[in-house]
Amino acid sequence: MKVNIVVDARYKSCPGPLLALAEAVMKASPGQIIMLLATDPGAPQDIREWASNVGHKVLNIEKVDETYRIYLEVLG
């Protein structure tokens, strides 16, 4: 998977990761892939719900050590 933008929101508590991702999405073009790095345990569920509500696609969520890697495709 080709990642176009990396957003490092590690060590930010809710709603920090979501706000950082939303800001990156506003600057991204449709079809781009954003990888969000987050340590907040609530981030995966928050991002899933937000993406569903605003029309973007969560491609994958993985946890490496204490960091979540959340991959989001920006849709039109």
PDB file of N, CA and C in Angstrom:
ATOM      1  N   MET A   1       0.856  -1.185   0.000  1.00  0.00           N
ATOM      2  CA  MET A   1       0.000   0.000   0.000  1.00  0.00           C
ATOM      3  C   MET A   1       0.892   1.234   0.000  1.00  0.00           C
ATOM      4  N   LYS A   2       0.618   2.133  -0.932  1.00  0.00           N
ATOM      5  CA  LYS A   2       1.410   3.358  -1.040  1.00  0.00           C
ATOM      6  C   LYS A   2       0.785   4.435  -0.146  1.00  0.00           C
ATOM      7  N   VAL A   3       1.524   4.847   0.856  1.00  0.00           N
ATOM      8  CA  VAL A   3       1.057   5.884   1.773  1.00  0.00           C
ATOM      9  C   VAL A   3       1.518   7.239   1.248  1.00  0.00           C
ATOM     10  N   ASN A   4       0.567   8.162   1.106  1.00  0.00           N
ATOM     11  CA  ASN A   4       0.886   9.500   0.619  1.00  0.00           C
ATOM     12  C   ASN A   4       1.206  10.476   1.736  1.00  0.00           C
ATOM     13  N   ILE A   5       0.533  10.305   2.876  1.00  0.00           N
ATOM     14  CA  ILE A   5       0.684  11.247   3.996  1.00  0.00           C
ATOM     15  C   ILE A   5       0.773  10.441   5.292  1.00  0.00           C
ATOM     16  N   VAL A   6       1.718  10.807   6.157  1.00  0.00           N
ATOM     17  CA  VAL A   6       1.828  10.190   7.485  1.00  0.00           C
ATOM     18  C   VAL A   6       1.500  11.260   8.516  1.00  0.00           C
ATOM     19  N   VAL A   7       0.577  10.934   9.403  1.00  0.00           N
ATOM     20  CA  VAL A   7       0.186  11.845  10.485  1.00  0.00           C
ATOM     21  C   VAL A   7       0.613  11.200  11.798  1.00  0.00           C
ATOM     22  N   ASP A   8       1.535  11.843  12.501  1.00  0.00           N
ATOM     23  CA  ASP A   8       2.030  11.300  13.768  1.00  0.00           C
ATOM     24  C   ASP A   8       1.278  11.957  14.918  1.00  0.00           C
ATOM     25  N   ALA A   9       0.327  11.209  15.478  1.00  0.00           N
ATOM     26  CA  ALA A   9      -0.456  11.716  16.610  1.00  0.00           C
ATOM     27  C   ALA A   9      -0.197  10.862  17.847  1.00  0.00           C
ATOM     28  N   ARG A  10       0.980  10.256  17.896  1.00  0.00           N
ATOM     29  CA  ARG A  10       1.314   9.454  19.075  1.00  0.00           C
ATOM     30  C   ARG A  10       1.388  10.342  20.304  1.00  0.00           C
ATOM     31  N   TYR A  11       0.941   9.780  21.411  1.00  0.00           N
ATOM     32  CA  TYR A  11       0.955  10.433  22.724  1.00  0.00           C
ATOM     33  C   TYR A  11      -0.022  11.590  22.835  1.00  0.00           C
ATOM     34  N   LYS A  12      -0.911  11.727  21.857  1.00  0.00           N
ATOM     35  CA  LYS A  12      -2.001  12.702  21.978  1.00  0.00           C
ATOM     36  C   LYS A  12      -3.233  11.938  22.444  1.00  0.00           C
ATOM     37  N   SER A  13      -3.960  12.520  23.389  1.00  0.00           N
ATOM     38  CA  SER A  13      -5.176  11.858  23.857  1.00  0.00           C
ATOM     39  C   SER A  13      -6.367  12.357  23.047  1.00  0.00           C
ATOM     40  N   CYS A  14      -7.454  11.649  23.171  1.00  0.00           N
ATOM     41  CA  CYS A  14      -8.688  11.966  22.453  1.00  0.00           C
ATOM     42  C   CYS A  14      -9.085  13.412  22.754  1.00  0.00           C
ATOM     43  N   PRO A  15      -9.439  14.195  21.779  1.00  0.00           N
ATOM     44  CA  PRO A  15      -9.664  13.906  20.358  1.00  0.00           C
ATOM     45  C   PRO A  15      -8.466  14.237  19.474  1.00  0.00           C
ATOM     46  N   GLY A  16      -7.277  14.336  20.031  1.00  0.00           N
ATOM     47  CA  GLY A  16      -6.093  14.750  19.283  1.00  0.00           C
ATOM     48  C   GLY A  16      -5.837  13.969  18.001  1.00  0.00           C
ATOM     49  N   PRO A  17      -5.809  12.619  18.051  1.00  0.00           N
ATOM     50  CA  PRO A  17      -5.559  11.872  16.816  1.00  0.00           C
ATOM     51  C   PRO A  17      -6.613  12.137  15.735  1.00  0.00           C
ATOM     52  N   LEU A  18      -7.858  12.209  16.129  1.00  0.00           N
ATOM     53  CA  LEU A  18      -8.930  12.447  15.159  1.00  0.00           C
ATOM     54  C   LEU A  18      -8.809  13.846  14.552  1.00  0.00           C
ATOM     55  N   LEU A  19      -8.522  14.830  15.355  1.00  0.00           N
ATOM     56  CA  LEU A  19      -8.369  16.197  14.845  1.00  0.00           C
ATOM     57  C   LEU A  19      -7.183  16.297  13.889  1.00  0.00           C
ATOM     58  N   ALA A  20      -6.082  15.626  14.231  1.00  0.00           N
ATOM     59  CA  ALA A  20      -4.905  15.644  13.359  1.00  0.00           C
ATOM     60  C   ALA A  20      -5.214  14.966  12.020  1.00  0.00           C
ATOM     61  N   LEU A  21      -5.952  13.866  12.073  1.00  0.00           N
ATOM     62  CA  LEU A  21      -6.326  13.170  10.844  1.00  0.00           C
ATOM     63  C   LEU A  21      -7.268  14.024  10.004  1.00  0.00           C
ATOM     64  N   ALA A  22      -8.261  14.630  10.628  1.00  0.00           N
ATOM     65  CA  ALA A  22      -9.229  15.457   9.903  1.00  0.00           C
ATOM     66  C   ALA A  22      -8.522  16.615   9.200  1.00  0.00           C
ATOM     67  N   GLU A  23      -7.528  17.203   9.849  1.00  0.00           N
ATOM     68  CA  GLU A  23      -6.765  18.301   9.243  1.00  0.00           C
ATOM     69  C   GLU A  23      -6.004  17.797   8.014  1.00  0.00           C
ATOM     70  N   ALA A  24      -5.408  16.615   8.118  1.00  0.00           N
ATOM     71  CA  ALA A  24      -4.672  16.048   6.979  1.00  0.00           C
ATOM     72  C   ALA A  24      -5.611  15.722   5.828  1.00  0.00           C
ATOM     73  N   VAL A  25      -6.805  15.229   6.134  1.00  0.00           N
ATOM     74  CA  VAL A  25      -7.779  14.887   5.099  1.00  0.00           C
ATOM     75  C   VAL A  25      -8.177  16.126   4.310  1.00  0.00           C
ATOM     76  N   MET A  26      -8.320  17.259   4.993  1.00  0.00           N
ATOM     77  CA  MET A  26      -8.708  18.498   4.311  1.00  0.00           C
ATOM     78  C   MET A  26      -7.668  18.925   3.272  1.00  0.00           C
ATOM     79  N   LYS A  27      -6.401  18.575   3.502  1.00  0.00           N
ATOM     80  CA  LYS A  27      -5.320  18.960   2.599  1.00  0.00           C
ATOM     81  C   LYS A  27      -5.058  17.894   1.529  1.00  0.00           C
ATOM     82  N   ALA A  28      -5.635  16.711   1.693  1.00  0.00           N
ATOM     83  CA  ALA A  28      -5.367  15.592   0.796  1.00  0.00           C
ATOM     84  C   ALA A  28      -6.305  15.612  -0.407  1.00  0.00           C
ATOM     85  N   SER A  29      -5.911  14.881  -1.429  1.00  0.00           N
ATOM     86  CA  SER A  29      -6.728  14.731  -2.636  1.00  0.00           C
ATOM     87  C   SER A  29      -7.437  13.381  -2.593  1.00  0.00           C
ATOM     88  N   PRO A  30      -8.589  13.274  -3.254  1.00  0.00           N
ATOM     89  CA  PRO A  30      -9.277  11.985  -3.323  1.00  0.00           C
ATOM     90  C   PRO A  30      -8.348  10.905  -3.872  1.00  0.00           C
ATOM     91  N   GLY A  31      -8.401   9.742  -3.244  1.00  0.00           N
ATOM     92  CA  GLY A  31      -7.566   8.616  -3.652  1.00  0.00           C
ATOM     93  C   GLY A  31      -6.273   8.498  -2.874  1.00  0.00           C
ATOM     94  N   GLN A  32      -5.904   9.549  -2.151  1.00  0.00           N
ATOM     95  CA  GLN A  32      -4.672   9.477  -1.371  1.00  0.00           C
ATOM     96  C   GLN A  32      -4.886   8.625  -0.130  1.00  0.00           C
ATOM     97  N   ILE A  33      -3.803   8.006   0.330  1.00  0.00           N
ATOM     98  CA  ILE A  33      -3.814   7.166   1.519  1.00  0.00           C
ATOM     99  C   ILE A  33      -3.076   7.898   2.632  1.00  0.00           C
ATOM    100  N   ILE A  34      -3.722   7.978   3.783  1.00  0.00           N
ATOM    101  CA  ILE A  34      -3.121   8.594   4.968  1.00  0.00           C
ATOM    102  C   ILE A  34      -2.885   7.495   6.000  1.00  0.00           C
ATOM    103  N   MET A  35      -1.697   7.490   6.583  1.00  0.00           N
ATOM    104  CA  MET A  35      -1.421   6.590   7.694  1.00  0.00           C
ATOM    105  C   MET A  35      -1.353   7.436   8.962  1.00  0.00           C
ATOM    106  N   LEU A  36      -2.243   7.133   9.891  1.00  0.00           N
ATOM    107  CA  LEU A  36      -2.259   7.811  11.190  1.00  0.00           C
ATOM    108  C   LEU A  36      -1.554   6.939  12.203  1.00  0.00           C
ATOM    109  N   LEU A  37      -0.594   7.508  12.909  1.00  0.00           N
ATOM    110  CA  LEU A  37       0.077   6.829  14.015  1.00  0.00           C
ATOM    111  C   LEU A  37      -0.524   7.362  15.308  1.00  0.00           C
ATOM    112  N   ALA A  38      -1.038   6.454  16.133  1.00  0.00           N
ATOM    113  CA  ALA A  38      -1.691   6.881  17.376  1.00  0.00           C
ATOM    114  C   ALA A  38      -1.437   5.870  18.486  1.00  0.00           C
ATOM    115  N   THR A  39      -1.328   6.363  19.704  1.00  0.00           N
ATOM    116  CA  THR A  39      -1.178   5.484  20.863  1.00  0.00           C
ATOM    117  C   THR A  39      -2.439   5.476  21.724  1.00  0.00           C
ATOM    118  N   ASP A  40      -3.362   6.362  21.462  1.00  0.00           N
ATOM    119  CA  ASP A  40      -4.623   6.432  22.212  1.00  0.00           C
ATOM    120  C   ASP A  40      -5.449   5.177  21.913  1.00  0.00           C
ATOM    121  N   PRO A  41      -5.783   4.374  22.938  1.00  0.00           N
ATOM    122  CA  PRO A  41      -6.528   3.133  22.686  1.00  0.00           C
ATOM    123  C   PRO A  41      -7.915   3.354  22.084  1.00  0.00           C
ATOM    124  N   GLY A  42      -8.453   4.547  22.196  1.00  0.00           N
ATOM    125  CA  GLY A  42      -9.762   4.836  21.619  1.00  0.00           C
ATOM    126  C   GLY A  42      -9.700   5.254  20.158  1.00  0.00           C
ATOM    127  N   ALA A  43      -8.505   5.504  19.652  1.00  0.00           N
ATOM    128  CA  ALA A  43      -8.358   6.028  18.295  1.00  0.00           C
ATOM    129  C   ALA A  43      -8.950   5.117  17.216  1.00  0.00           C
ATOM    130  N   PRO A  44      -8.698   3.798  17.242  1.00  0.00           N
ATOM    131  CA  PRO A  44      -9.256   2.971  16.156  1.00  0.00           C
ATOM    132  C   PRO A  44     -10.775   3.083  16.028  1.00  0.00           C
ATOM    133  N   GLN A  45     -11.481   3.005  17.130  1.00  0.00           N
ATOM    134  CA  GLN A  45     -12.943   3.091  17.074  1.00  0.00           C
ATOM    135  C   GLN A  45     -13.397   4.500  16.689  1.00  0.00           C
ATOM    136  N   ASP A  46     -12.738   5.517  17.228  1.00  0.00           N
ATOM    137  CA  ASP A  46     -13.088   6.899  16.876  1.00  0.00           C
ATOM    138  C   ASP A  46     -12.923   7.138  15.378  1.00  0.00           C
ATOM    139  N   ILE A  47     -11.824   6.649  14.823  1.00  0.00           N
ATOM    140  CA  ILE A  47     -11.544   6.862  13.400  1.00  0.00           C
ATOM    141  C   ILE A  47     -12.538   6.090  12.538  1.00  0.00           C
ATOM    142  N   ARG A  48     -12.862   4.850  12.929  1.00  0.00           N
ATOM    143  CA  ARG A  48     -13.852   4.069  12.175  1.00  0.00           C
ATOM    144  C   ARG A  48     -15.185   4.811  12.106  1.00  0.00           C
ATOM    145  N   GLU A  49     -15.649   5.291  13.254  1.00  0.00           N
ATOM    146  CA  GLU A  49     -16.943   5.982  13.310  1.00  0.00           C
ATOM    147  C   GLU A  49     -16.903   7.282  12.499  1.00  0.00           C
ATOM    148  N   TRP A  50     -15.855   8.040  12.660  1.00  0.00           N
ATOM    149  CA  TRP A  50     -15.727   9.307  11.944  1.00  0.00           C
ATOM    150  C   TRP A  50     -15.692   9.074  10.439  1.00  0.00           C
ATOM    151  N   ALA A  51     -14.863   8.121   9.996  1.00  0.00           N
ATOM    152  CA  ALA A  51     -14.741   7.837   8.559  1.00  0.00           C
ATOM    153  C   ALA A  51     -16.084   7.410   7.978  1.00  0.00           C
ATOM    154  N   SER A  52     -16.813   6.606   8.715  1.00  0.00           N
ATOM    155  CA  SER A  52     -18.133   6.157   8.268  1.00  0.00           C
ATOM    156  C   SER A  52     -19.095   7.337   8.125  1.00  0.00           C
ATOM    157  N   ASN A  53     -19.022   8.277   9.038  1.00  0.00           N
ATOM    158  CA  ASN A  53     -19.920   9.432   9.020  1.00  0.00           C
ATOM    159  C   ASN A  53     -19.585  10.441   7.928  1.00  0.00           C
ATOM    160  N   VAL A  54     -18.309  10.588   7.599  1.00  0.00           N
ATOM    161  CA  VAL A  54     -17.916  11.612   6.629  1.00  0.00           C
ATOM    162  C   VAL A  54     -17.605  11.068   5.240  1.00  0.00           C
ATOM    163  N   GLY A  55     -17.606   9.737   5.096  1.00  0.00           N
ATOM    164  CA  GLY A  55     -17.478   9.160   3.767  1.00  0.00           C
ATOM    165  C   GLY A  55     -16.074   8.829   3.301  1.00  0.00           C
ATOM    166  N   HIS A  56     -15.171   8.540   4.225  1.00  0.00           N
ATOM    167  CA  HIS A  56     -13.838   8.068   3.855  1.00  0.00           C
ATOM    168  C   HIS A  56     -13.747   6.589   4.228  1.00  0.00           C
ATOM    169  N   LYS A  57     -12.703   5.919   3.769  1.00  0.00           N
ATOM    170  CA  LYS A  57     -12.619   4.472   3.932  1.00  0.00           C
ATOM    171  C   LYS A  57     -11.411   4.068   4.770  1.00  0.00           C
ATOM    172  N   VAL A  58     -11.658   3.382   5.886  1.00  0.00           N
ATOM    173  CA  VAL A  58     -10.571   2.812   6.681  1.00  0.00           C
ATOM    174  C   VAL A  58     -10.138   1.531   5.972  1.00  0.00           C
ATOM    175  N   LEU A  59      -8.896   1.485   5.548  1.00  0.00           N
ATOM    176  CA  LEU A  59      -8.382   0.334   4.803  1.00  0.00           C
ATOM    177  C   LEU A  59      -7.836  -0.749   5.715  1.00  0.00           C
ATOM    178  N   ASN A  60      -7.179  -0.332   6.790  1.00  0.00           N
ATOM    179  CA  ASN A  60      -6.555  -1.310   7.679  1.00  0.00           C
ATOM    180  C   ASN A  60      -6.194  -0.627   8.996  1.00  0.00           C
ATOM    181  N   ILE A  61      -6.240  -1.414  10.059  1.00  0.00           N
ATOM    182  CA  ILE A  61      -5.771  -0.943  11.366  1.00  0.00           C
ATOM    183  C   ILE A  61      -4.898  -2.052  11.923  1.00  0.00           C
ATOM    184  N   GLU A  62      -3.670  -1.694  12.275  1.00  0.00           N
ATOM    185  CA  GLU A  62      -2.772  -2.669  12.875  1.00  0.00           C
ATOM    186  C   GLU A  62      -2.110  -2.040  14.085  1.00  0.00           C
ATOM    187  N   LYS A  63      -1.694  -2.904  15.000  1.00  0.00           N
ATOM    188  CA  LYS A  63      -1.007  -2.409  16.196  1.00  0.00           C
ATOM    189  C   LYS A  63       0.403  -2.982  16.204  1.00  0.00           C
ATOM    190  N   VAL A  64       1.376  -2.087  16.260  1.00  0.00           N
ATOM    191  CA  VAL A  64       2.776  -2.483  16.328  1.00  0.00           C
ATOM    192  C   VAL A  64       3.319  -1.920  17.633  1.00  0.00           C
ATOM    193  N   ASP A  65       3.712  -2.815  18.519  1.00  0.00           N
ATOM    194  CA  ASP A  65       4.100  -2.436  19.878  1.00  0.00           C
ATOM    195  C   ASP A  65       2.931  -1.666  20.509  1.00  0.00           C
ATOM    196  N   GLU A  66       3.123  -0.425  20.864  1.00  0.00           N
ATOM    197  CA  GLU A  66       2.043   0.354  21.495  1.00  0.00           C
ATOM    198  C   GLU A  66       1.402   1.351  20.538  1.00  0.00           C
ATOM    199  N   THR A  67       1.760   1.272  19.267  1.00  0.00           N
ATOM    200  CA  THR A  67       1.282   2.252  18.294  1.00  0.00           C
ATOM    201  C   THR A  67       0.306   1.631  17.312  1.00  0.00           C
ATOM    202  N   TYR A  68      -0.837   2.283  17.140  1.00  0.00           N
ATOM    203  CA  TYR A  68      -1.791   1.889  16.108  1.00  0.00           C
ATOM    204  C   TYR A  68      -1.387   2.553  14.804  1.00  0.00           C
ATOM    205  N   ARG A  69      -1.464   1.791  13.725  1.00  0.00           N
ATOM    206  CA  ARG A  69      -1.282   2.332  12.372  1.00  0.00           C
ATOM    207  C   ARG A  69      -2.632   2.222  11.684  1.00  0.00           C
ATOM    208  N   ILE A  70      -3.223   3.341  11.425  1.00  0.00           N
ATOM    209  CA  ILE A  70      -4.557   3.372  10.835  1.00  0.00           C
ATOM    210  C   ILE A  70      -4.434   3.948   9.430  1.00  0.00           C
ATOM    211  N   TYR A  71      -4.840   3.149   8.460  1.00  0.00           N
ATOM    212  CA  TYR A  71      -4.739   3.541   7.058  1.00  0.00           C
ATOM    213  C   TYR A  71      -6.104   3.969   6.559  1.00  0.00           C
ATOM    214  N   LEU A  72      -6.171   5.165   6.016  1.00  0.00           N
ATOM    215  CA  LEU A  72      -7.429   5.750   5.562  1.00  0.00           C
ATOM    216  C   LEU A  72      -7.290   6.203   4.116  1.00  0.00           C
ATOM    217  N   GLU A  73      -8.282   5.823   3.301  1.00  0.00           N
ATOM    218  CA  GLU A  73      -8.319   6.324   1.926  1.00  0.00           C
ATOM    219  C   GLU A  73      -9.265   7.500   1.883  1.00  0.00           C
ATOM    220  N   VAL A  74      -8.773   8.613   1.335  1.00  0.00           N
ATOM    221  CA  VAL A  74      -9.592   9.816   1.196  1.00  0.00           C
ATOM    222  C   VAL A  74     -10.474   9.637  -0.026  1.00  0.00           C
ATOM    223  N   LEU A  75     -11.773   9.721   0.166  1.00  0.00           N
ATOM    224  CA  LEU A  75     -12.721   9.595  -0.932  1.00  0.00           C
ATOM    225  C   LEU A  75     -13.308  10.965  -1.243  1.00  0.00           C
ATOM    226  N   GLY A  76     -13.783  11.127  -2.488  1.00  0.00           N
ATOM    227  CA  GLY A  76     -14.322  12.381  -2.978  1.00  0.00           C
ATOM    228  C   GLY A  76     -15.219  13.040  -2.011  1.00  0.00           C
TER     229      GLY A  76
END
